N, C-alpha and C. Protein backbone atom coordinates (compact mmCIF):
# COMPACT_ATOMS: atom_id res chain seq x y z
N MET A 1 4.44 -18.29 3.55
CA MET A 1 4.18 -18.11 4.83
C MET A 1 2.49 -18.29 4.97
N SER A 2 2.10 -18.94 6.27
CA SER A 2 0.93 -19.33 6.50
C SER A 2 -0.03 -17.84 6.83
N ASP A 3 -1.24 -18.05 6.73
CA ASP A 3 -2.11 -16.86 6.97
C ASP A 3 -2.29 -16.59 8.51
N ASP A 4 -1.36 -17.01 9.32
CA ASP A 4 -1.44 -16.75 11.01
C ASP A 4 -1.01 -15.26 10.93
N TRP A 5 -2.27 -14.40 11.16
CA TRP A 5 -1.64 -12.70 11.20
C TRP A 5 -1.48 -12.13 12.55
N SER A 6 -1.46 -13.26 13.28
CA SER A 6 -1.50 -13.05 14.99
C SER A 6 -0.54 -11.82 15.38
N ARG A 7 0.68 -11.70 14.83
CA ARG A 7 1.49 -10.99 14.96
C ARG A 7 1.40 -9.83 14.76
N TYR A 8 0.71 -9.58 13.65
CA TYR A 8 0.22 -8.23 13.19
C TYR A 8 -1.22 -7.87 14.07
N ILE A 9 -1.98 -8.94 14.44
CA ILE A 9 -3.13 -8.20 15.18
C ILE A 9 -2.68 -7.77 16.28
N ARG A 10 -1.42 -8.36 16.82
CA ARG A 10 -1.17 -7.80 18.09
C ARG A 10 -0.50 -6.45 18.00
N PHE A 11 0.07 -6.08 16.76
CA PHE A 11 0.73 -4.96 16.57
C PHE A 11 -0.36 -3.72 16.40
N ARG A 12 -1.27 -4.08 15.72
CA ARG A 12 -2.62 -3.24 15.68
C ARG A 12 -3.13 -2.72 17.21
N ASP A 13 -3.43 -3.97 17.96
CA ASP A 13 -4.21 -3.69 19.07
C ASP A 13 -3.37 -2.95 19.92
N ASP A 14 -1.72 -3.19 19.85
CA ASP A 14 -1.03 -1.96 20.49
C ASP A 14 -1.11 -0.90 20.17
N GLY A 15 -1.64 -0.48 19.05
CA GLY A 15 -1.38 0.88 18.27
C GLY A 15 -0.98 1.40 17.41
N LEU A 16 0.03 0.28 16.84
CA LEU A 16 0.54 0.91 15.83
C LEU A 16 -0.13 1.12 14.32
N SER A 17 0.39 1.95 13.52
CA SER A 17 -0.39 2.48 12.25
C SER A 17 -0.44 1.13 11.37
N PRO A 18 -1.11 1.10 10.43
CA PRO A 18 -1.11 -0.02 9.22
C PRO A 18 0.23 0.27 8.50
N GLN A 19 0.75 1.82 8.12
CA GLN A 19 2.34 1.41 7.83
C GLN A 19 3.30 0.94 8.61
N ASP A 20 3.30 1.13 9.98
CA ASP A 20 4.13 0.77 10.48
C ASP A 20 4.23 -0.91 10.92
N VAL A 21 2.95 -1.49 10.73
CA VAL A 21 2.39 -2.61 10.34
C VAL A 21 3.11 -3.59 9.18
N TRP A 22 2.50 -2.53 7.96
CA TRP A 22 3.21 -3.06 6.89
C TRP A 22 4.61 -2.97 6.81
N ASN A 23 5.21 -2.02 7.55
CA ASN A 23 6.94 -2.18 7.48
C ASN A 23 7.38 -3.63 8.14
N TYR A 24 6.96 -3.79 9.15
CA TYR A 24 7.11 -5.10 9.65
C TYR A 24 6.76 -6.12 8.99
N ALA A 25 5.78 -6.60 8.31
CA ALA A 25 5.64 -7.16 7.53
C ALA A 25 6.43 -7.95 6.33
N ARG A 26 6.85 -6.59 5.79
CA ARG A 26 8.05 -6.56 4.89
C ARG A 26 9.43 -6.89 5.19
N SER A 27 9.56 -6.12 6.48
CA SER A 27 10.74 -6.93 6.96
C SER A 27 10.92 -8.59 7.59
N ASP A 28 9.72 -9.05 7.68
CA ASP A 28 9.55 -10.47 8.08
C ASP A 28 9.78 -11.13 6.75
N GLY A 29 9.48 -10.42 5.61
CA GLY A 29 10.05 -11.36 4.25
C GLY A 29 8.33 -11.43 3.66
N LEU A 30 7.07 -11.09 4.27
CA LEU A 30 6.13 -11.15 3.54
C LEU A 30 6.31 -10.62 1.97
N LYS A 31 5.61 -11.53 0.85
CA LYS A 31 5.67 -10.88 -0.20
C LYS A 31 4.82 -9.95 -0.41
N PHE A 32 4.69 -9.09 -1.32
CA PHE A 32 3.75 -7.59 -1.55
C PHE A 32 2.30 -8.24 -1.59
N ALA A 33 2.15 -9.16 -2.43
CA ALA A 33 0.62 -9.58 -2.15
C ALA A 33 0.05 -10.21 -1.25
N ASP A 34 1.11 -10.89 -0.34
CA ASP A 34 0.62 -11.27 1.16
C ASP A 34 0.40 -10.31 1.97
N SER A 35 1.34 -9.09 1.71
CA SER A 35 1.31 -7.83 2.77
C SER A 35 0.16 -7.19 2.57
N ILE A 36 -0.50 -6.90 1.20
CA ILE A 36 -1.70 -6.37 0.93
C ILE A 36 -3.05 -6.91 1.37
N ARG A 37 -2.84 -8.23 1.38
CA ARG A 37 -3.80 -9.19 1.77
C ARG A 37 -3.81 -8.95 3.50
N MET A 38 -2.66 -9.08 4.00
CA MET A 38 -2.95 -9.04 5.78
C MET A 38 -2.96 -7.74 5.87
N ILE A 39 -2.55 -6.53 5.34
CA ILE A 39 -2.90 -5.34 5.82
C ILE A 39 -4.61 -5.22 5.60
N ARG A 40 -4.99 -5.63 4.29
CA ARG A 40 -6.64 -5.52 4.35
C ARG A 40 -7.44 -6.39 5.44
N LEU A 41 -6.87 -7.42 5.70
CA LEU A 41 -7.66 -8.18 6.76
C LEU A 41 -7.40 -7.57 8.28
N VAL A 42 -6.01 -7.29 8.69
CA VAL A 42 -5.98 -6.88 9.83
C VAL A 42 -6.77 -5.88 10.29
N PHE A 43 -6.74 -4.53 9.30
CA PHE A 43 -7.19 -3.16 9.57
C PHE A 43 -8.57 -3.07 8.86
N ASP A 44 -9.08 -4.21 8.17
CA ASP A 44 -10.29 -4.15 7.54
C ASP A 44 -10.16 -3.04 6.72
N LEU A 45 -9.37 -3.03 5.68
CA LEU A 45 -9.34 -1.86 4.39
C LEU A 45 -9.65 -2.50 3.02
N THR A 46 -10.23 -1.68 2.47
CA THR A 46 -10.62 -1.72 0.97
C THR A 46 -9.23 -2.12 0.07
N LEU A 47 -9.34 -2.33 -0.69
CA LEU A 47 -7.99 -2.53 -1.70
C LEU A 47 -7.55 -0.93 -1.83
N VAL A 48 -8.10 -0.18 -2.20
CA VAL A 48 -7.72 1.08 -2.25
C VAL A 48 -7.06 1.78 -1.14
N GLU A 49 -7.71 1.33 0.13
CA GLU A 49 -6.96 2.06 1.00
C GLU A 49 -5.82 1.37 1.76
N ALA A 50 -5.79 -0.10 1.49
CA ALA A 50 -4.66 -0.59 1.53
C ALA A 50 -3.30 -0.37 0.64
N LYS A 51 -3.80 0.30 -0.57
CA LYS A 51 -2.97 0.70 -1.58
C LYS A 51 -2.49 1.98 -1.20
N GLU A 52 -3.09 2.69 -0.33
CA GLU A 52 -2.91 4.02 -0.02
C GLU A 52 -1.73 4.06 1.61
N VAL A 53 -1.94 2.57 1.92
CA VAL A 53 -0.82 2.19 3.24
C VAL A 53 0.31 2.10 2.34
N THR A 54 0.21 1.41 1.35
CA THR A 54 1.63 0.89 1.00
C THR A 54 2.27 1.94 0.09
N ILE A 55 1.69 3.01 -0.60
CA ILE A 55 2.23 4.14 -1.11
C ILE A 55 3.04 4.96 0.11
N GLN A 56 2.54 5.02 1.26
CA GLN A 56 3.07 5.86 2.55
C GLN A 56 4.07 5.06 3.12
N ALA A 57 3.82 4.02 3.20
CA ALA A 57 4.96 3.04 4.04
C ALA A 57 6.25 2.95 3.23
N GLU A 58 6.00 2.45 1.77
CA GLU A 58 7.02 2.39 0.96
C GLU A 58 7.53 3.92 0.54
N SER A 59 7.37 5.05 1.02
CA SER A 59 7.70 6.46 0.76
C SER A 59 7.94 6.71 -0.83
N LEU A 60 6.50 6.20 -1.31
CA LEU A 60 6.68 6.62 -2.80
C LEU A 60 5.56 7.52 -2.90
N GLY A 61 5.12 8.03 -2.20
CA GLY A 61 4.25 9.34 -2.09
C GLY A 61 3.37 9.77 -0.87
N THR A 62 3.08 10.95 -1.01
CA THR A 62 2.01 11.10 0.42
C THR A 62 0.73 10.48 0.36
N SER A 63 0.18 10.39 -0.89
CA SER A 63 -0.77 9.78 -1.17
C SER A 63 -1.04 8.57 -2.26
N LEU A 64 -1.84 7.87 -2.46
CA LEU A 64 -2.44 7.49 -3.77
C LEU A 64 -2.57 8.18 -4.93
N GLU A 65 -3.40 9.39 -4.83
CA GLU A 65 -3.72 10.10 -5.84
C GLU A 65 -2.32 10.86 -5.98
N GLU A 66 -1.71 11.20 -5.32
CA GLU A 66 -0.66 12.06 -5.35
C GLU A 66 0.52 11.15 -6.15
N TYR A 67 0.43 9.85 -5.84
CA TYR A 67 1.51 9.00 -6.66
C TYR A 67 1.10 8.42 -8.15
N GLN A 68 -0.29 8.61 -8.24
CA GLN A 68 -0.60 8.05 -9.61
C GLN A 68 -0.43 9.37 -10.32
N GLY A 69 -0.95 10.39 -10.00
CA GLY A 69 -0.83 11.57 -10.74
C GLY A 69 0.57 11.77 -10.97
N ARG A 70 1.76 11.76 -10.32
CA ARG A 70 3.12 11.97 -10.82
C ARG A 70 3.73 10.84 -11.23
N VAL A 71 3.32 9.74 -10.84
CA VAL A 71 4.16 8.77 -11.54
C VAL A 71 3.27 7.72 -12.76
N LEU A 72 2.16 7.28 -12.54
CA LEU A 72 1.45 6.54 -13.48
C LEU A 72 0.58 7.60 -14.73
N LEU A 73 0.24 8.25 -14.46
CA LEU A 73 -0.30 9.49 -15.43
C LEU A 73 0.79 9.93 -16.42
N PRO A 74 1.92 10.40 -15.94
CA PRO A 74 2.91 10.74 -17.14
C PRO A 74 3.27 9.51 -17.82
N ALA A 75 3.57 8.22 -17.04
CA ALA A 75 3.85 6.88 -17.80
C ALA A 75 2.90 6.32 -18.78
N ILE A 76 1.64 6.59 -18.57
CA ILE A 76 0.60 6.27 -19.12
C ILE A 76 0.31 7.25 -20.68
N GLU A 77 0.71 8.68 -20.39
CA GLU A 77 1.00 9.48 -21.59
C GLU A 77 2.01 9.32 -22.17
N ALA A 78 3.05 9.17 -21.57
CA ALA A 78 4.32 8.55 -22.69
C ALA A 78 3.96 7.15 -23.59
N ALA A 79 3.43 6.16 -22.78
CA ALA A 79 3.30 5.02 -23.43
C ALA A 79 2.24 5.25 -24.79
N THR A 80 1.15 6.12 -24.45
CA THR A 80 0.23 6.00 -25.29
C THR A 80 0.33 7.22 -26.55
N SER A 81 1.06 8.04 -25.94
CA SER A 81 1.57 9.40 -26.46
C SER A 81 0.13 10.39 -26.77
N LEU A 82 -0.47 10.27 -25.84
CA LEU A 82 -1.55 10.82 -25.80
C LEU A 82 -2.01 11.89 -24.61
N ASP A 83 -2.38 12.83 -24.97
CA ASP A 83 -2.68 13.82 -23.74
C ASP A 83 -3.86 13.48 -23.18
N ILE A 84 -3.96 13.01 -21.92
CA ILE A 84 -5.19 12.85 -21.49
C ILE A 84 -5.30 13.39 -19.99
N SER A 85 -4.54 14.87 -20.28
CA SER A 85 -4.53 15.68 -18.91
C SER A 85 -6.18 16.14 -18.64
N MET A 86 -6.71 16.64 -17.77
CA MET A 86 -8.17 16.89 -17.40
C MET A 86 -8.32 18.72 -17.61
N ASP A 87 -7.50 19.20 -18.55
CA ASP A 87 -7.62 20.60 -18.63
C ASP A 87 -8.61 21.05 -19.41
């Protein structure tokens, strides 16, 4: 797909949230990486902020921090068999 983000810019200008625009992009068939790039450019987000949008829009968690703590940290601990908790 070309880098014509005008549809998503209109959505932003109409007041849609980054999560809503993300969902439109994905339903339009944008690949994940292209959707990340689009959401960053259209909403002037950092990569971390764009990942936060992704987690919320895809209903993977309430925040990036919560998702990483619930999903990624246990996976890393299991893969390394190390206790890397902050206790």
